[in-house]
Amino acid sequence: MNEYIAIVFVAIGGFFVRSLSLSGAIATMLVGTAVAASFSWQGLCLLGVFFATSSVWSHFRHQQKQLLAEKIEKGAQRDYVQVLANGSIPAAISLLALVFPHWSWHGLFAVSIAAANADTWASEIGSVSRQSPRMITTWKKVEPGTSGAVTSLGTLASFFGAFVIALVGNVLWHDISIVAVSTFGFFGSVVDTYLGAVWQASYRCTVCGIETEKRKHCGKQTIRIKGQDWLNNDVVNWLAIFCSTIVYFFVMKL
């Protein structure tokens, strides 16, 4: 019962510090409940590391990140779609582990969190890099905030984001491999970046000409110049986490 009380307090706290919208807080409680039902305090602790560090880094150099607000579809306050994009797969793994108990679910759960954390750290820390980002597919320099672009700082942050989850996961469950979870968590971030470069929807404002993730800019509808309308950043995040967990599952099974 104490776990569920903690979930409510975390969700309410996230709402009041503006890390979560109301819908995001409700979604957080749903994800947390699924995790607690299967993995108890250990699962909530790992999920909490992701939530806490993501919130901290989202407010890191907040003023500098305001300059990127015109390019990014959503801000630092996460709604239910963003929460589920990162948390629905860990929640699904938790429910599967509840129905079919086995120690191997620990690693799969940790990888799903590591992939989400790696991508978040890469985005939040890499966006304030002094180095000009480069497109992962062409290596051409692009504007900060462009989907599919990387920097050395962001790449390093991505790896350490996955490593932190792997390290904490190993402390909580000794059957978790730090190397494997770090590697596949980082792999998820790479997949996210590639999907962002190739398939994620991108638009151009008909008024100011800026390339953005937003469908409306300067009070006018933008024109899609790349990707599919349904393939936004949230879908890309979900697909990247899904890919990392599936690849981990089959590789570790061999």
Protein backbone atom coordinates (compact mmCIF):
# COMPACT_ATOMS: atom_id res chain seq x y z
CA MET A 1 0.00 0.00 0.00
CA ASN A 2 2.88 2.39 0.77
CA GLU A 3 4.10 2.09 -2.82
CA TYR A 4 0.79 3.36 -4.17
CA ILE A 5 0.76 6.28 -1.74
CA ALA A 6 4.25 7.21 -2.97
CA ILE A 7 3.03 7.09 -6.57
CA VAL A 8 0.25 9.56 -5.81
CA PHE A 9 2.63 11.93 -4.02
CA VAL A 10 5.14 11.82 -6.88
CA ALA A 11 2.44 12.51 -9.47
CA ILE A 12 0.99 15.38 -7.44
CA GLY A 13 4.48 16.76 -6.81
CA GLY A 14 5.29 16.59 -10.51
CA PHE A 15 2.11 18.51 -11.26
CA PHE A 16 2.83 21.27 -8.75
CA VAL A 17 6.43 21.78 -9.90
CA ARG A 18 5.10 21.86 -13.48
CA SER A 19 7.01 18.81 -14.66
CA LEU A 20 3.65 17.16 -15.40
CA SER A 21 0.36 18.43 -16.72
CA LEU A 22 -2.83 17.15 -15.08
CA SER A 23 -3.19 14.44 -17.72
CA GLY A 24 0.51 13.63 -17.33
CA ALA A 25 0.10 13.21 -13.57
CA ILE A 26 -2.83 10.82 -14.07
CA ALA A 27 -0.86 8.81 -16.65
CA THR A 28 2.11 8.70 -14.26
CA MET A 29 -0.09 7.17 -11.56
CA LEU A 30 -1.33 4.53 -14.00
CA VAL A 31 2.19 3.60 -15.13
CA GLY A 32 3.45 3.62 -11.54
CA THR A 33 0.61 1.39 -10.39
CA ALA A 34 1.42 -1.20 -13.06
CA VAL A 35 5.12 -1.14 -12.13
CA ALA A 36 4.43 -1.36 -8.39
CA ALA A 37 2.06 -4.29 -8.84
CA SER A 38 4.85 -6.39 -10.36
CA PHE A 39 8.22 -4.97 -9.31
CA SER A 40 7.27 -3.25 -6.03
CA TRP A 41 9.73 -0.69 -4.61
CA GLN A 42 12.56 -1.78 -6.88
CA GLY A 43 10.62 -1.01 -10.03
CA LEU A 44 9.36 2.28 -8.65
CA CYS A 45 12.90 3.25 -7.66
CA LEU A 46 14.18 2.67 -11.18
CA LEU A 47 11.22 4.52 -12.65
CA GLY A 48 11.80 7.29 -10.11
CA VAL A 49 15.43 7.73 -11.20
CA PHE A 50 14.23 8.26 -14.75
CA PHE A 51 11.49 10.69 -13.72
CA ALA A 52 13.68 12.66 -11.28
CA THR A 53 16.70 13.02 -13.58
CA SER A 54 14.50 13.84 -16.58
CA SER A 55 12.80 16.60 -14.60
CA VAL A 56 16.12 18.01 -13.41
CA TRP A 57 17.69 18.05 -16.86
CA SER A 58 14.55 19.51 -18.46
CA HIS A 59 15.02 22.60 -16.27
CA PHE A 60 18.79 22.72 -16.85
CA ARG A 61 19.66 26.05 -18.57
CA HIS A 62 15.98 26.64 -19.07
CA GLN A 63 16.45 30.15 -20.46
CA GLN A 64 18.80 28.91 -23.16
CA LYS A 65 16.31 26.20 -24.13
CA GLN A 66 13.59 28.82 -24.61
CA LEU A 67 15.31 29.70 -27.86
CA LEU A 68 14.45 26.21 -29.15
CA ALA A 69 10.77 26.45 -28.19
CA GLU A 70 9.77 27.43 -31.71
CA LYS A 71 11.22 24.23 -33.16
CA ILE A 72 10.02 21.69 -30.60
CA GLU A 73 6.41 20.55 -30.52
CA LYS A 74 6.08 20.32 -26.73
CA GLY A 75 7.76 21.90 -23.72
CA ALA A 76 9.22 20.62 -20.44
CA GLN A 77 5.79 19.94 -18.89
CA ARG A 78 4.91 16.38 -19.91
CA ASP A 79 1.33 15.47 -20.84
CA TYR A 80 -0.22 12.01 -20.85
CA VAL A 81 0.96 11.28 -24.39
CA GLN A 82 4.58 11.96 -23.46
CA VAL A 83 4.28 9.93 -20.26
CA LEU A 84 2.80 6.95 -22.11
CA ALA A 85 5.32 7.27 -24.95
CA ASN A 86 8.06 6.64 -22.40
CA GLY A 87 6.17 4.63 -19.80
CA SER A 88 3.69 2.38 -21.58
CA ILE A 89 6.29 -0.25 -22.53
CA PRO A 90 7.76 -0.48 -18.99
CA ALA A 91 4.17 -0.72 -17.72
CA ALA A 92 3.34 -3.48 -20.23
CA ILE A 93 6.47 -5.41 -19.25
CA SER A 94 5.44 -5.07 -15.60
CA LEU A 95 1.99 -6.50 -16.28
CA LEU A 96 3.47 -9.39 -18.29
CA ALA A 97 5.87 -10.10 -15.43
CA LEU A 98 2.92 -10.13 -13.04
CA VAL A 99 1.13 -12.77 -15.12
CA PHE A 100 4.25 -14.78 -16.05
CA PRO A 101 6.74 -14.33 -13.18
CA HIS A 102 10.40 -14.82 -14.13
CA TRP A 103 13.67 -13.11 -13.19
CA SER A 104 14.43 -12.30 -16.87
CA TRP A 105 11.78 -9.58 -16.88
CA HIS A 106 14.09 -7.44 -14.71
CA GLY A 107 16.55 -6.89 -17.54
CA LEU A 108 13.86 -6.16 -20.10
CA PHE A 109 12.23 -3.64 -17.77
CA ALA A 110 15.58 -1.97 -17.06
CA VAL A 111 16.40 -1.68 -20.79
CA SER A 112 13.06 0.00 -21.51
CA ILE A 113 13.79 2.59 -18.80
CA ALA A 114 17.42 2.96 -19.90
CA ALA A 115 16.39 3.69 -23.50
CA ALA A 116 13.94 6.36 -22.36
CA ASN A 117 16.51 7.89 -20.01
CA ALA A 118 19.27 7.85 -22.63
CA ASP A 119 17.10 9.70 -25.14
CA THR A 120 15.92 12.24 -22.57
CA TRP A 121 19.43 13.01 -21.36
CA ALA A 122 20.64 13.33 -24.95
CA SER A 123 17.88 15.80 -25.81
CA GLU A 124 17.98 17.88 -22.64
CA ILE A 125 21.76 18.09 -22.29
CA GLY A 126 22.74 17.98 -25.95
CA SER A 127 20.43 20.89 -26.79
CA VAL A 128 22.64 23.30 -24.81
CA SER A 129 25.89 22.16 -26.42
CA ARG A 130 28.12 24.89 -27.83
CA GLN A 131 28.94 22.56 -30.71
CA SER A 132 26.81 22.79 -33.84
CA PRO A 133 24.68 19.63 -34.14
CA ARG A 134 25.07 17.41 -37.16
CA MET A 135 22.45 15.27 -38.88
CA ILE A 136 23.10 11.62 -38.08
CA THR A 137 22.38 10.55 -41.69
CA THR A 138 24.35 13.15 -43.67
CA TRP A 139 26.65 14.64 -41.00
CA LYS A 140 25.73 18.12 -42.22
CA LYS A 141 25.51 20.92 -39.67
CA VAL A 142 21.94 21.88 -38.74
CA GLU A 143 20.22 24.21 -36.32
CA PRO A 144 19.98 23.21 -32.63
CA GLY A 145 16.73 21.38 -31.87
CA THR A 146 16.54 19.68 -35.26
CA SER A 147 15.20 16.12 -35.04
CA GLY A 148 17.83 13.54 -35.93
CA ALA A 149 20.80 15.75 -35.08
CA VAL A 150 23.58 14.83 -32.67
CA THR A 151 26.40 16.49 -30.74
CA SER A 152 29.33 14.99 -28.85
CA LEU A 153 27.86 16.26 -25.58
CA GLY A 154 24.44 14.80 -26.33
CA THR A 155 25.92 11.44 -27.34
CA LEU A 156 27.97 11.27 -24.16
CA ALA A 157 24.93 12.25 -22.10
CA SER A 158 22.90 9.54 -23.83
CA PHE A 159 25.37 6.84 -22.84
CA PHE A 160 25.56 7.98 -19.23
CA GLY A 161 21.76 8.20 -19.09
CA ALA A 162 21.57 4.51 -19.96
CA PHE A 163 24.51 3.67 -17.68
CA VAL A 164 22.91 5.29 -14.62
CA ILE A 165 19.77 3.19 -15.07
CA ALA A 166 21.87 0.05 -15.59
CA LEU A 167 23.91 0.77 -12.47
CA VAL A 168 20.87 1.41 -10.27
CA GLY A 169 19.14 -1.61 -11.78
CA ASN A 170 22.10 -3.82 -10.91
CA VAL A 171 21.98 -2.61 -7.30
CA LEU A 172 18.26 -3.37 -7.12
CA TRP A 173 18.43 -6.71 -8.98
CA HIS A 174 21.82 -8.40 -9.11
CA ASP A 175 20.80 -10.45 -12.15
CA ILE A 176 20.88 -7.31 -14.31
CA SER A 177 23.94 -6.87 -16.53
CA ILE A 178 25.27 -3.31 -16.41
CA VAL A 179 27.01 -3.73 -19.78
CA ALA A 180 23.95 -5.17 -21.54
CA VAL A 181 21.44 -2.65 -20.17
CA SER A 182 23.79 0.27 -20.88
CA THR A 183 24.46 -0.94 -24.42
CA PHE A 184 20.85 -1.60 -25.41
CA GLY A 185 19.61 1.51 -23.63
CA PHE A 186 22.08 3.58 -25.62
CA PHE A 187 21.07 1.68 -28.77
CA GLY A 188 17.49 2.84 -28.18
CA SER A 189 18.64 6.44 -28.20
CA VAL A 190 20.50 5.90 -31.49
CA VAL A 191 17.36 4.38 -33.03
CA ASP A 192 15.37 7.39 -31.81
CA THR A 193 17.82 9.77 -33.47
CA TYR A 194 17.78 7.85 -36.75
CA LEU A 195 13.98 7.71 -36.86
CA GLY A 196 13.90 11.41 -36.10
CA ALA A 197 16.20 12.12 -39.02
CA VAL A 198 14.51 9.90 -41.59
CA TRP A 199 10.84 9.36 -40.77
CA GLN A 200 9.69 11.85 -38.13
CA ALA A 201 7.34 14.55 -39.42
CA SER A 202 8.87 17.98 -39.89
CA TYR A 203 7.17 21.16 -41.04
CA ARG A 204 8.05 24.58 -42.42
CA CYS A 205 6.33 27.80 -41.40
CA THR A 206 4.83 29.64 -44.38
CA VAL A 207 5.36 32.98 -42.63
CA CYS A 208 8.86 32.96 -41.09
CA GLY A 209 10.30 29.94 -42.91
CA ILE A 210 11.52 28.13 -39.78
CA GLU A 211 11.65 24.32 -39.77
CA THR A 212 9.65 23.05 -36.81
CA GLU A 213 7.82 20.06 -35.30
CA LYS A 214 4.69 22.20 -34.89
CA ARG A 215 1.73 21.93 -37.24
CA LYS A 216 0.87 25.58 -36.65
CA HIS A 217 3.34 28.48 -36.43
CA CYS A 218 2.97 32.25 -36.59
CA GLY A 219 -0.79 31.66 -36.45
CA LYS A 220 -0.75 29.72 -39.73
CA GLN A 221 -0.78 26.05 -40.71
CA THR A 222 2.71 24.80 -41.51
CA ILE A 223 3.66 22.72 -44.55
CA ARG A 224 4.97 19.19 -44.04
CA ILE A 225 8.40 18.80 -45.64
CA LYS A 226 9.40 15.38 -44.28
CA GLY A 227 7.92 12.26 -42.71
CA GLN A 228 4.32 11.36 -41.93
CA ASP A 229 1.88 13.46 -39.90
CA TRP A 230 1.24 10.63 -37.41
CA LEU A 231 4.95 10.00 -36.83
CA ASN A 232 5.70 12.75 -34.33
CA ASN A 233 8.31 12.82 -31.56
CA ASP A 234 6.14 10.85 -29.11
CA VAL A 235 5.65 7.99 -31.61
CA VAL A 236 9.37 8.00 -32.38
CA ASN A 237 10.18 7.76 -28.66
CA TRP A 238 7.82 4.79 -28.27
CA LEU A 239 9.22 3.00 -31.31
CA ALA A 240 12.81 3.49 -30.13
CA ILE A 241 12.05 2.02 -26.70
CA PHE A 242 10.16 -0.85 -28.32
CA CYS A 243 13.05 -1.61 -30.69
CA SER A 244 15.66 -1.59 -27.92
CA THR A 245 13.66 -3.97 -25.72
CA ILE A 246 12.85 -6.35 -28.57
CA VAL A 247 16.47 -6.49 -29.78
CA TYR A 248 17.66 -7.00 -26.19
CA PHE A 249 15.18 -9.85 -25.77
CA PHE A 250 16.31 -11.75 -28.85
CA VAL A 251 20.04 -11.10 -28.39
CA MET A 252 20.05 -12.18 -24.74
CA LYS A 253 17.96 -15.22 -25.65
CA LEU A 254 20.60 -16.50 -28.09
